[in-house]
Amino acid sequence: MTLHETARNARNRREDGLNSVLERNIEILTQRRRQQTMSLSRQDRIALAVTSFFGSMAFLYLHVVLFGAWIAINLWPRAPHFDPTLVHLATAASVEAIFLTTFVLITQNRMSEAAEKRAELDVHIGLLTEHELTRLLALNSAIAQHLGVSSEIDHELEELKSDVAPDAVMEKLESTDF
């Protein structure tokens, strides 16, 4: 690495260990996530808020207090019993579980869609990277050939210089038993 490249790399690396390109990518992804959240329908935003609360320690503490008080009042000998057999508590908990499950499923569906989009983006980036590396390999091979440099892997280069066919890879993976 030249002195100029070392200095440029030092300028691009920040105190927190992130370089400017990584910092830019994080900012773009963060902005994209904000836009996606803002573009959610009112129903989806409500479901997200409810699920966020259901998944919090505040929700757990609230239930410990409410259920604990309900049980204590109904089992305490001197307190007025409004649910002595705790049937109403069980019914309320069951109805709450139905709604909680529904909200969780709504949120999981949304998260699954987002994960699918990210996986598809990963595939596209992987294919683009593979194509670029194939082109770089072909260029390096041409330069080595022009300079008269040979290597023990020359026999593999021709195969490596051709692009991968994603549909052929998928077909092979699908036909292979694991």
N, C-alpha and C. Protein backbone atom coordinates (compact mmCIF):
# COMPACT_ATOMS: atom_id res chain seq x y z
N MET A 1 0.85 -1.16 0.00
CA MET A 1 0.00 0.00 0.00
C MET A 1 0.90 1.23 0.00
N THR A 2 0.58 2.20 -0.83
CA THR A 2 1.39 3.41 -0.92
C THR A 2 1.08 4.33 0.26
N LEU A 3 1.95 5.30 0.46
CA LEU A 3 1.77 6.29 1.51
C LEU A 3 0.49 7.09 1.28
N HIS A 4 0.22 7.40 0.00
CA HIS A 4 -1.00 8.14 -0.35
C HIS A 4 -2.26 7.36 0.02
N GLU A 5 -2.26 6.05 -0.28
CA GLU A 5 -3.42 5.21 0.05
C GLU A 5 -3.60 5.08 1.57
N THR A 6 -2.49 4.95 2.30
CA THR A 6 -2.56 4.85 3.76
C THR A 6 -3.15 6.12 4.35
N ALA A 7 -2.73 7.27 3.86
CA ALA A 7 -3.26 8.54 4.35
C ALA A 7 -4.75 8.68 4.03
N ARG A 8 -5.14 8.28 2.81
CA ARG A 8 -6.55 8.36 2.42
C ARG A 8 -7.39 7.44 3.30
N ASN A 9 -6.90 6.23 3.56
CA ASN A 9 -7.63 5.30 4.42
C ASN A 9 -7.76 5.84 5.84
N ALA A 10 -6.71 6.48 6.34
CA ALA A 10 -6.76 7.06 7.68
C ALA A 10 -7.78 8.19 7.73
N ARG A 11 -7.88 8.99 6.68
CA ARG A 11 -8.87 10.08 6.64
C ARG A 11 -10.28 9.51 6.59
N ASN A 12 -10.46 8.42 5.85
CA ASN A 12 -11.79 7.82 5.71
C ASN A 12 -12.24 7.07 6.97
N ARG A 13 -11.29 6.67 7.82
CA ARG A 13 -11.63 5.93 9.03
C ARG A 13 -11.86 6.92 10.16
N ARG A 14 -12.98 6.81 10.82
CA ARG A 14 -13.33 7.72 11.89
C ARG A 14 -12.89 7.13 13.22
N GLU A 15 -13.02 7.93 14.26
CA GLU A 15 -12.63 7.47 15.59
C GLU A 15 -13.44 6.26 16.04
N ASP A 16 -14.70 6.15 15.62
CA ASP A 16 -15.53 5.03 16.04
C ASP A 16 -15.26 3.77 15.22
N GLY A 17 -14.30 3.81 14.31
CA GLY A 17 -13.93 2.64 13.54
C GLY A 17 -14.70 2.49 12.24
N LEU A 18 -15.64 3.37 11.97
CA LEU A 18 -16.42 3.29 10.74
C LEU A 18 -15.80 4.18 9.67
N ASN A 19 -15.76 3.69 8.45
CA ASN A 19 -15.29 4.54 7.37
C ASN A 19 -16.46 5.29 6.78
N SER A 20 -16.19 6.25 5.93
CA SER A 20 -17.24 7.13 5.41
C SER A 20 -18.27 6.37 4.57
N VAL A 21 -17.85 5.37 3.83
CA VAL A 21 -18.78 4.60 3.01
C VAL A 21 -19.74 3.81 3.91
N LEU A 22 -19.21 3.17 4.94
CA LEU A 22 -20.05 2.42 5.86
C LEU A 22 -21.01 3.36 6.58
N GLU A 23 -20.52 4.50 7.01
CA GLU A 23 -21.37 5.49 7.67
C GLU A 23 -22.50 5.94 6.75
N ARG A 24 -22.19 6.17 5.48
CA ARG A 24 -23.21 6.57 4.49
C ARG A 24 -24.25 5.47 4.31
N ASN A 25 -23.79 4.22 4.21
CA ASN A 25 -24.71 3.11 4.04
C ASN A 25 -25.64 2.94 5.25
N ILE A 26 -25.09 3.11 6.44
CA ILE A 26 -25.91 3.03 7.66
C ILE A 26 -26.97 4.12 7.64
N GLU A 27 -26.59 5.32 7.26
CA GLU A 27 -27.53 6.45 7.20
C GLU A 27 -28.64 6.18 6.17
N ILE A 28 -28.27 5.64 5.02
CA ILE A 28 -29.26 5.34 3.97
C ILE A 28 -30.24 4.28 4.47
N LEU A 29 -29.72 3.22 5.09
CA LEU A 29 -30.60 2.16 5.60
C LEU A 29 -31.50 2.65 6.72
N THR A 30 -30.96 3.50 7.60
CA THR A 30 -31.75 4.07 8.68
C THR A 30 -32.87 4.94 8.13
N GLN A 31 -32.54 5.78 7.16
CA GLN A 31 -33.54 6.63 6.52
C GLN A 31 -34.61 5.79 5.83
N ARG A 32 -34.19 4.74 5.17
CA ARG A 32 -35.14 3.85 4.49
C ARG A 32 -36.09 3.20 5.49
N ARG A 33 -35.55 2.75 6.62
CA ARG A 33 -36.38 2.14 7.65
C ARG A 33 -37.40 3.14 8.20
N ARG A 34 -36.96 4.40 8.40
CA ARG A 34 -37.89 5.44 8.86
C ARG A 34 -39.00 5.66 7.84
N GLN A 35 -38.63 5.72 6.56
CA GLN A 35 -39.64 5.93 5.51
C GLN A 35 -40.63 4.77 5.47
N GLN A 36 -40.13 3.55 5.62
CA GLN A 36 -41.02 2.40 5.61
C GLN A 36 -41.98 2.44 6.80
N THR A 37 -41.49 2.83 7.95
CA THR A 37 -42.34 2.93 9.13
C THR A 37 -43.40 4.01 8.94
N MET A 38 -42.99 5.14 8.35
CA MET A 38 -43.94 6.24 8.12
C MET A 38 -44.97 5.88 7.06
N SER A 39 -44.64 4.99 6.16
CA SER A 39 -45.56 4.63 5.09
C SER A 39 -46.53 3.51 5.48
N LEU A 40 -46.39 3.00 6.70
CA LEU A 40 -47.30 1.96 7.16
C LEU A 40 -48.72 2.53 7.27
N SER A 41 -49.68 1.67 7.05
CA SER A 41 -51.07 2.10 7.22
C SER A 41 -51.33 2.36 8.70
N ARG A 42 -52.42 3.04 8.97
CA ARG A 42 -52.78 3.36 10.35
C ARG A 42 -52.94 2.06 11.15
N GLN A 43 -53.58 1.07 10.54
CA GLN A 43 -53.78 -0.21 11.21
C GLN A 43 -52.45 -0.89 11.54
N ASP A 44 -51.51 -0.84 10.60
CA ASP A 44 -50.21 -1.47 10.83
C ASP A 44 -49.44 -0.74 11.93
N ARG A 45 -49.54 0.61 11.95
CA ARG A 45 -48.86 1.38 13.01
C ARG A 45 -49.45 1.04 14.37
N ILE A 46 -50.78 0.88 14.44
CA ILE A 46 -51.42 0.50 15.70
C ILE A 46 -50.95 -0.89 16.12
N ALA A 47 -50.94 -1.82 15.19
CA ALA A 47 -50.49 -3.19 15.50
C ALA A 47 -49.04 -3.18 15.97
N LEU A 48 -48.20 -2.37 15.33
CA LEU A 48 -46.80 -2.28 15.74
C LEU A 48 -46.66 -1.71 17.14
N ALA A 49 -47.44 -0.66 17.43
CA ALA A 49 -47.38 -0.05 18.76
C ALA A 49 -47.87 -1.02 19.83
N VAL A 50 -48.97 -1.71 19.56
CA VAL A 50 -49.52 -2.66 20.52
C VAL A 50 -48.54 -3.79 20.75
N THR A 51 -47.99 -4.33 19.68
CA THR A 51 -47.03 -5.43 19.81
C THR A 51 -45.78 -4.98 20.55
N SER A 52 -45.33 -3.76 20.29
CA SER A 52 -44.17 -3.23 21.00
C SER A 52 -44.44 -3.16 22.50
N PHE A 53 -45.65 -2.70 22.86
CA PHE A 53 -46.00 -2.63 24.28
C PHE A 53 -46.13 -4.03 24.87
N PHE A 54 -46.80 -4.94 24.15
CA PHE A 54 -46.97 -6.31 24.63
C PHE A 54 -45.62 -6.99 24.87
N GLY A 55 -44.63 -6.61 24.11
CA GLY A 55 -43.30 -7.23 24.24
C GLY A 55 -42.39 -6.48 25.18
N SER A 56 -42.93 -5.64 26.04
CA SER A 56 -42.08 -4.83 26.92
C SER A 56 -42.14 -5.33 28.36
N MET A 57 -41.17 -4.92 29.14
CA MET A 57 -41.16 -5.26 30.56
C MET A 57 -42.29 -4.53 31.28
N ALA A 58 -42.68 -3.36 30.81
CA ALA A 58 -43.80 -2.64 31.43
C ALA A 58 -45.07 -3.48 31.36
N PHE A 59 -45.29 -4.14 30.23
CA PHE A 59 -46.46 -5.02 30.09
C PHE A 59 -46.39 -6.17 31.09
N LEU A 60 -45.21 -6.75 31.24
CA LEU A 60 -45.03 -7.84 32.20
C LEU A 60 -45.31 -7.36 33.62
N TYR A 61 -44.73 -6.21 34.00
CA TYR A 61 -44.94 -5.68 35.34
C TYR A 61 -46.42 -5.36 35.59
N LEU A 62 -47.08 -4.79 34.58
CA LEU A 62 -48.50 -4.49 34.69
C LEU A 62 -49.30 -5.75 34.96
N HIS A 63 -48.97 -6.83 34.26
CA HIS A 63 -49.69 -8.08 34.45
C HIS A 63 -49.39 -8.70 35.81
N VAL A 64 -48.17 -8.62 36.25
CA VAL A 64 -47.84 -9.16 37.57
C VAL A 64 -48.65 -8.43 38.63
N VAL A 65 -48.76 -7.10 38.52
CA VAL A 65 -49.51 -6.31 39.50
C VAL A 65 -51.01 -6.62 39.39
N LEU A 66 -51.56 -6.54 38.17
CA LEU A 66 -52.99 -6.76 37.99
C LEU A 66 -53.42 -8.18 38.38
N PHE A 67 -52.73 -9.17 37.84
CA PHE A 67 -53.11 -10.55 38.14
C PHE A 67 -52.86 -10.88 39.61
N GLY A 68 -51.73 -10.38 40.11
CA GLY A 68 -51.42 -10.62 41.53
C GLY A 68 -52.48 -10.02 42.44
N ALA A 69 -52.89 -8.77 42.14
CA ALA A 69 -53.92 -8.13 42.96
C ALA A 69 -55.25 -8.87 42.81
N TRP A 70 -55.61 -9.25 41.59
CA TRP A 70 -56.86 -9.97 41.35
C TRP A 70 -56.90 -11.27 42.17
N ILE A 71 -55.82 -12.01 42.08
CA ILE A 71 -55.76 -13.29 42.80
C ILE A 71 -55.75 -13.06 44.31
N ALA A 72 -54.95 -12.09 44.76
CA ALA A 72 -54.85 -11.83 46.20
C ALA A 72 -56.19 -11.38 46.76
N ILE A 73 -56.88 -10.48 46.07
CA ILE A 73 -58.17 -10.00 46.56
C ILE A 73 -59.18 -11.14 46.63
N ASN A 74 -59.17 -12.00 45.63
CA ASN A 74 -60.17 -13.07 45.59
C ASN A 74 -59.82 -14.27 46.48
N LEU A 75 -58.61 -14.35 46.92
CA LEU A 75 -58.24 -15.45 47.82
C LEU A 75 -58.08 -15.00 49.26
N TRP A 76 -57.98 -13.69 49.47
CA TRP A 76 -57.81 -13.16 50.83
C TRP A 76 -59.12 -13.34 51.59
N PRO A 77 -59.06 -13.93 52.77
CA PRO A 77 -60.30 -14.25 53.50
C PRO A 77 -61.16 -13.04 53.86
N ARG A 78 -60.56 -11.88 54.13
CA ARG A 78 -61.35 -10.73 54.60
C ARG A 78 -61.72 -9.77 53.49
N ALA A 79 -61.24 -10.00 52.25
CA ALA A 79 -61.53 -9.09 51.13
C ALA A 79 -62.83 -9.50 50.45
N PRO A 80 -63.52 -8.52 49.81
CA PRO A 80 -64.73 -8.88 49.07
C PRO A 80 -64.35 -9.66 47.81
N HIS A 81 -64.89 -10.82 47.64
CA HIS A 81 -64.55 -11.69 46.51
C HIS A 81 -65.49 -11.40 45.34
N PHE A 82 -64.94 -10.90 44.24
CA PHE A 82 -65.75 -10.68 43.04
C PHE A 82 -65.54 -11.78 42.01
N ASP A 83 -64.49 -12.60 42.20
CA ASP A 83 -64.22 -13.74 41.31
C ASP A 83 -63.60 -14.86 42.14
N PRO A 84 -64.38 -15.46 43.04
CA PRO A 84 -63.80 -16.44 43.97
C PRO A 84 -63.21 -17.68 43.30
N THR A 85 -63.72 -18.07 42.16
CA THR A 85 -63.17 -19.25 41.48
C THR A 85 -62.15 -18.87 40.41
N LEU A 86 -61.92 -17.60 40.23
CA LEU A 86 -60.98 -17.04 39.24
C LEU A 86 -61.36 -17.37 37.80
N VAL A 87 -62.60 -17.70 37.54
CA VAL A 87 -63.08 -18.00 36.20
C VAL A 87 -63.04 -16.75 35.32
N HIS A 88 -63.41 -15.61 35.91
CA HIS A 88 -63.40 -14.36 35.14
C HIS A 88 -61.97 -13.97 34.75
N LEU A 89 -61.05 -14.21 35.66
CA LEU A 89 -59.64 -13.94 35.35
C LEU A 89 -59.15 -14.83 34.22
N ALA A 90 -59.50 -16.10 34.28
CA ALA A 90 -59.10 -17.04 33.22
C ALA A 90 -59.72 -16.64 31.88
N THR A 91 -60.97 -16.22 31.91
CA THR A 91 -61.65 -15.79 30.67
C THR A 91 -60.98 -14.54 30.12
N ALA A 92 -60.72 -13.57 30.97
CA ALA A 92 -60.06 -12.33 30.53
C ALA A 92 -58.67 -12.63 29.95
N ALA A 93 -57.93 -13.51 30.62
CA ALA A 93 -56.60 -13.88 30.14
C ALA A 93 -56.68 -14.60 28.79
N SER A 94 -57.69 -15.42 28.61
CA SER A 94 -57.86 -16.14 27.34
C SER A 94 -58.20 -15.18 26.20
N VAL A 95 -59.10 -14.24 26.46
CA VAL A 95 -59.45 -13.25 25.43
C VAL A 95 -58.23 -12.39 25.10
N GLU A 96 -57.50 -11.99 26.13
CA GLU A 96 -56.28 -11.20 25.91
C GLU A 96 -55.27 -11.99 25.07
N ALA A 97 -55.14 -13.27 25.34
CA ALA A 97 -54.20 -14.11 24.59
C ALA A 97 -54.59 -14.19 23.12
N ILE A 98 -55.89 -14.24 22.85
CA ILE A 98 -56.35 -14.28 21.45
C ILE A 98 -55.92 -13.01 20.73
N PHE A 99 -56.16 -11.85 21.36
CA PHE A 99 -55.78 -10.58 20.73
C PHE A 99 -54.28 -10.43 20.62
N LEU A 100 -53.58 -10.82 21.67
CA LEU A 100 -52.12 -10.74 21.66
C LEU A 100 -51.55 -11.58 20.52
N THR A 101 -52.05 -12.78 20.36
CA THR A 101 -51.58 -13.67 19.29
C THR A 101 -51.84 -13.06 17.92
N THR A 102 -53.01 -12.46 17.76
CA THR A 102 -53.34 -11.82 16.49
C THR A 102 -52.38 -10.68 16.18
N PHE A 103 -52.11 -9.83 17.16
CA PHE A 103 -51.18 -8.72 16.95
C PHE A 103 -49.77 -9.22 16.64
N VAL A 104 -49.35 -10.25 17.34
CA VAL A 104 -48.02 -10.82 17.08
C VAL A 104 -47.94 -11.38 15.66
N LEU A 105 -48.99 -12.08 15.22
CA LEU A 105 -49.00 -12.63 13.86
C LEU A 105 -48.97 -11.52 12.81
N ILE A 106 -49.70 -10.45 13.04
CA ILE A 106 -49.68 -9.31 12.10
C ILE A 106 -48.26 -8.77 12.00
N THR A 107 -47.61 -8.58 13.14
CA THR A 107 -46.25 -8.05 13.15
C THR A 107 -45.27 -9.03 12.51
N GLN A 108 -45.44 -10.32 12.77
CA GLN A 108 -44.55 -11.31 12.15
C GLN A 108 -44.72 -11.34 10.63
N ASN A 109 -45.94 -11.19 10.15
CA ASN A 109 -46.15 -11.14 8.70
C ASN A 109 -45.42 -9.96 8.08
N ARG A 110 -45.52 -8.80 8.73
CA ARG A 110 -44.83 -7.61 8.23
C ARG A 110 -43.31 -7.81 8.26
N MET A 111 -42.83 -8.41 9.35
CA MET A 111 -41.39 -8.67 9.46
C MET A 111 -40.94 -9.68 8.42
N SER A 112 -41.76 -10.67 8.13
CA SER A 112 -41.44 -11.67 7.13
C SER A 112 -41.33 -11.05 5.74
N GLU A 113 -42.25 -10.15 5.43
CA GLU A 113 -42.19 -9.44 4.14
C GLU A 113 -40.90 -8.63 4.03
N ALA A 114 -40.53 -7.95 5.11
CA ALA A 114 -39.30 -7.15 5.10
C ALA A 114 -38.08 -8.06 4.95
N ALA A 115 -38.08 -9.22 5.63
CA ALA A 115 -36.96 -10.15 5.52
C ALA A 115 -36.85 -10.71 4.11
N GLU A 116 -37.99 -10.96 3.47
CA GLU A 116 -37.98 -11.44 2.09
C GLU A 116 -37.36 -10.42 1.16
N LYS A 117 -37.72 -9.15 1.35
CA LYS A 117 -37.15 -8.08 0.52
C LYS A 117 -35.64 -7.99 0.73
N ARG A 118 -35.21 -8.08 2.01
CA ARG A 118 -33.77 -8.02 2.28
C ARG A 118 -33.04 -9.21 1.67
N ALA A 119 -33.64 -10.39 1.74
CA ALA A 119 -33.02 -11.59 1.15
C ALA A 119 -32.90 -11.44 -0.35
N GLU A 120 -33.93 -10.89 -0.97
CA GLU A 120 -33.89 -10.67 -2.42
C GLU A 120 -32.80 -9.67 -2.78
N LEU A 121 -32.67 -8.60 -1.97
CA LEU A 121 -31.61 -7.62 -2.18
C LEU A 121 -30.24 -8.29 -2.04
N ASP A 122 -30.10 -9.16 -1.03
CA ASP A 122 -28.84 -9.88 -0.84
C ASP A 122 -28.49 -10.72 -2.07
N VAL A 123 -29.49 -11.38 -2.64
CA VAL A 123 -29.25 -12.20 -3.83
C VAL A 123 -28.79 -11.30 -4.99
N HIS A 124 -29.47 -10.17 -5.18
CA HIS A 124 -29.09 -9.27 -6.27
C HIS A 124 -27.67 -8.73 -6.07
N ILE A 125 -27.34 -8.35 -4.85
CA ILE A 125 -26.00 -7.84 -4.57
C ILE A 125 -24.97 -8.94 -4.77
N GLY A 126 -25.28 -10.16 -4.32
CA GLY A 126 -24.37 -11.29 -4.51
C GLY A 126 -24.12 -11.57 -5.98
N LEU A 127 -25.19 -11.53 -6.79
CA LEU A 127 -25.04 -11.76 -8.23
C LEU A 127 -24.22 -10.65 -8.89
N LEU A 128 -24.47 -9.42 -8.47
CA LEU A 128 -23.70 -8.30 -9.02
C LEU A 128 -22.23 -8.43 -8.63
N THR A 129 -21.97 -8.79 -7.39
CA THR A 129 -20.59 -8.98 -6.92
C THR A 129 -19.91 -10.11 -7.69
N GLU A 130 -20.63 -11.20 -7.87
CA GLU A 130 -20.07 -12.33 -8.63
C GLU A 130 -19.74 -11.90 -10.05
N HIS A 131 -20.62 -11.13 -10.68
CA HIS A 131 -20.38 -10.66 -12.05
C HIS A 131 -19.15 -9.75 -12.10
N GLU A 132 -19.08 -8.82 -11.14
CA GLU A 132 -17.93 -7.91 -11.11
C GLU A 132 -16.63 -8.67 -10.87
N LEU A 133 -16.65 -9.65 -9.96
CA LEU A 133 -15.44 -10.42 -9.70
C LEU A 133 -15.04 -11.26 -10.91
N THR A 134 -16.03 -11.77 -11.63
CA THR A 134 -15.74 -12.53 -12.85
C THR A 134 -15.05 -11.63 -13.86
N ARG A 135 -15.54 -10.42 -14.00
CA ARG A 135 -14.93 -9.46 -14.94
C ARG A 135 -13.51 -9.09 -14.51
N LEU A 136 -13.32 -8.91 -13.19
CA LEU A 136 -11.98 -8.59 -12.69
C LEU A 136 -11.02 -9.76 -12.91
N LEU A 137 -11.51 -10.97 -12.72
CA LEU A 137 -10.69 -12.16 -12.97
C LEU A 137 -10.28 -12.23 -14.44
N ALA A 138 -11.23 -11.94 -15.34
CA ALA A 138 -10.93 -11.95 -16.77
C ALA A 138 -9.90 -10.87 -17.10
N LEU A 139 -10.05 -9.69 -16.49
CA LEU A 139 -9.10 -8.60 -16.72
C LEU A 139 -7.71 -8.97 -16.20
N ASN A 140 -7.64 -9.51 -14.98
CA ASN A 140 -6.35 -9.94 -14.42
C ASN A 140 -5.71 -11.02 -15.27
N SER A 141 -6.52 -11.94 -15.75
CA SER A 141 -6.01 -13.00 -16.60
C SER A 141 -5.44 -12.43 -17.90
N ALA A 142 -6.14 -11.46 -18.47
CA ALA A 142 -5.66 -10.84 -19.71
C ALA A 142 -4.36 -10.08 -19.47
N ILE A 143 -4.28 -9.40 -18.33
CA ILE A 143 -3.04 -8.67 -18.00
C ILE A 143 -1.89 -9.65 -17.81
N ALA A 144 -2.14 -10.74 -17.07
CA ALA A 144 -1.10 -11.74 -16.84
C ALA A 144 -0.66 -12.37 -18.15
N GLN A 145 -1.61 -12.63 -19.03
CA GLN A 145 -1.28 -13.22 -20.33
C GLN A 145 -0.44 -12.23 -21.15
N HIS A 146 -0.82 -10.94 -21.12
CA HIS A 146 -0.09 -9.92 -21.86
C HIS A 146 1.35 -9.79 -21.34
N LEU A 147 1.51 -9.95 -20.02
CA LEU A 147 2.84 -9.84 -19.42
C LEU A 147 3.62 -11.15 -19.47
N GLY A 148 2.96 -12.21 -19.90
CA GLY A 148 3.62 -13.50 -20.00
C GLY A 148 3.76 -14.21 -18.67
N VAL A 149 2.90 -13.88 -17.72
CA VAL A 149 2.95 -14.51 -16.40
C VAL A 149 2.00 -15.70 -16.41
N SER A 150 2.51 -16.84 -15.93
CA SER A 150 1.64 -18.01 -15.87
C SER A 150 1.56 -18.48 -14.42
N SER A 151 0.53 -19.27 -14.15
CA SER A 151 0.34 -19.76 -12.79
C SER A 151 -0.15 -21.20 -12.87
N GLU A 152 -0.10 -21.88 -11.72
CA GLU A 152 -0.53 -23.27 -11.71
C GLU A 152 -2.04 -23.42 -11.74
N ILE A 153 -2.79 -22.32 -11.63
CA ILE A 153 -4.24 -22.42 -11.69
C ILE A 153 -4.79 -21.93 -13.04
N ASP A 154 -3.93 -21.80 -14.04
CA ASP A 154 -4.38 -21.34 -15.36
C ASP A 154 -5.50 -22.22 -15.93
N HIS A 155 -5.46 -23.52 -15.63
CA HIS A 155 -6.48 -24.42 -16.16
C HIS A 155 -7.86 -24.13 -15.54
N GLU A 156 -7.92 -23.55 -14.34
CA GLU A 156 -9.19 -23.22 -13.71
C GLU A 156 -9.74 -21.87 -14.16
N LEU A 157 -8.88 -21.02 -14.67
CA LEU A 157 -9.28 -19.65 -14.98
C LEU A 157 -10.39 -19.56 -16.00
N GLU A 158 -10.34 -20.36 -17.02
CA GLU A 158 -11.37 -20.29 -18.06
C GLU A 158 -12.75 -20.58 -17.48
N GLU A 159 -12.81 -21.57 -16.61
CA GLU A 159 -14.09 -21.89 -15.98
C GLU A 159 -14.53 -20.77 -15.04
N LEU A 160 -13.58 -20.20 -14.30
CA LEU A 160 -13.91 -19.14 -13.35
C LEU A 160 -14.30 -17.83 -14.03
N LYS A 161 -13.86 -17.62 -15.26
CA LYS A 161 -14.15 -16.37 -15.95
C LYS A 161 -15.57 -16.31 -16.51
N SER A 162 -16.31 -17.40 -16.43
CA SER A 162 -17.68 -17.38 -16.95
C SER A 162 -18.66 -17.08 -15.81
N ASP A 163 -19.70 -16.31 -16.14
CA ASP A 163 -20.72 -15.93 -15.15
C ASP A 163 -21.48 -17.16 -14.66
N VAL A 164 -21.91 -17.10 -13.42
CA VAL A 164 -22.74 -18.14 -12.82
C VAL A 164 -24.17 -17.91 -13.28
N ALA A 165 -24.85 -18.99 -13.64
CA ALA A 165 -26.27 -18.90 -14.02
C ALA A 165 -27.11 -19.19 -12.78
N PRO A 166 -27.74 -18.16 -12.20
CA PRO A 166 -28.48 -18.36 -10.94
C PRO A 166 -29.60 -19.39 -11.06
N ASP A 167 -30.26 -19.45 -12.20
CA ASP A 167 -31.35 -20.42 -12.35
C ASP A 167 -30.81 -21.85 -12.33
N ALA A 168 -29.63 -22.06 -12.90
CA ALA A 168 -29.02 -23.40 -12.88
C ALA A 168 -28.62 -23.78 -11.46
N VAL A 169 -28.12 -22.82 -10.70
CA VAL A 169 -27.74 -23.09 -9.30
C VAL A 169 -28.99 -23.45 -8.50
N MET A 170 -30.08 -22.69 -8.68
CA MET A 170 -31.32 -22.97 -7.96
C MET A 170 -31.87 -24.35 -8.31
N GLU A 171 -31.83 -24.68 -9.59
CA GLU A 171 -32.33 -26.00 -10.01
C GLU A 171 -31.49 -27.12 -9.37
N LYS A 172 -30.18 -26.94 -9.34
CA LYS A 172 -29.30 -27.94 -8.74
C LYS A 172 -29.58 -28.08 -7.25
N LEU A 173 -29.75 -26.95 -6.55
CA LEU A 173 -30.03 -26.98 -5.12
C LEU A 173 -31.38 -27.65 -4.84
N GLU A 174 -32.37 -27.36 -5.66
CA GLU A 174 -33.70 -27.92 -5.46
C GLU A 174 -33.73 -29.42 -5.75
N SER A 175 -32.88 -29.88 -6.66
CA SER A 175 -32.87 -31.31 -6.99
C SER A 175 -31.98 -32.12 -6.05
N THR A 176 -31.19 -31.47 -5.23
CA THR A 176 -30.29 -32.16 -4.30
C THR A 176 -31.01 -32.47 -3.01
N ASP A 177 -30.92 -33.70 -2.58
CA ASP A 177 -31.50 -34.10 -1.30
C ASP A 177 -30.53 -33.75 -0.19
N PHE A 178 -31.05 -33.18 0.86
CA PHE A 178 -30.20 -32.83 2.01
C PHE A 178 -30.29 -33.87 3.07
